[in-house]
Amino acid sequence: MNAQKVTTLFLDIGGVFLTNGWDHNSRELAAAEFGFPYAEMSRRHDLTFGTYEEGKITLEEYLDRVVFFKERPFTYEDFKDFIFKQSQPLPDMFELTHRLKLRYKLKTVAVSNEGREINDYRIRKFALTDVIDFFCSSCYIRMRKPDADIYRLALDMAGARASEVVYLENTEMFVDVARGLGIPTILHKDYETTVLALGEIGLTLD
């Protein structure tokens, strides 16, 4: 593969552009911050979070099931603010993608598992539309990775063949699924190794 054949970047968001939106570390912090048992929330989260990420319930409905199923000495707004603050930028990756997009005239598609309110907050807060053309987010399309159809839909949205795509993803199973569809995929671990991997296929900043 070489840079001349690449027309499109597929990009995970959490763990690539930004920190994860609401992972187990954030939930542990929330339990400590708000003073309730983590294990109970974790069990309930595992039962219903997929429904939230697929856009079938709202954030408030998710919180009703996971946190506010009993009386709490804090409000929905307090808890939602805490959730949103867990998102932090990974600026090196944002700059890298922006520069590659401009240099090689690439289309960029986010392929991400995300609940709607968290997804929308992250897009606005971190100006993700400055570097991403389309958001193939689970909450919009009602399916989640590792469902292979999310990648087929992303290809259709981009008008691209699998061989024309490079996909940056930090979850190994999702990498395997995408590769099974013929999508060249880089397992993102950190900025430095991803830059090297991109350079090997001709996508360089120099």
Foldseek 3Di string as FASTA:
>chain_A
DALVLAAAEEEACDPQFKPDQCDLVLLVVVCVVQPHDSVQLVVQCVVPVLCQLQQNDAPVVSCCRRPVVDDGPDDPVVSVVSSLVVIDGPVLSVVLQQLLCVVSVHAYEYLYRDGDVSVVSCCVVVVCVSRHVYYLGSSVNRDHPPPLVSVVVVCVVRVHDLCNYEYEAQDVVSCVSSVVSVHHYDNDDDDVVVQVVCVVRHRHND
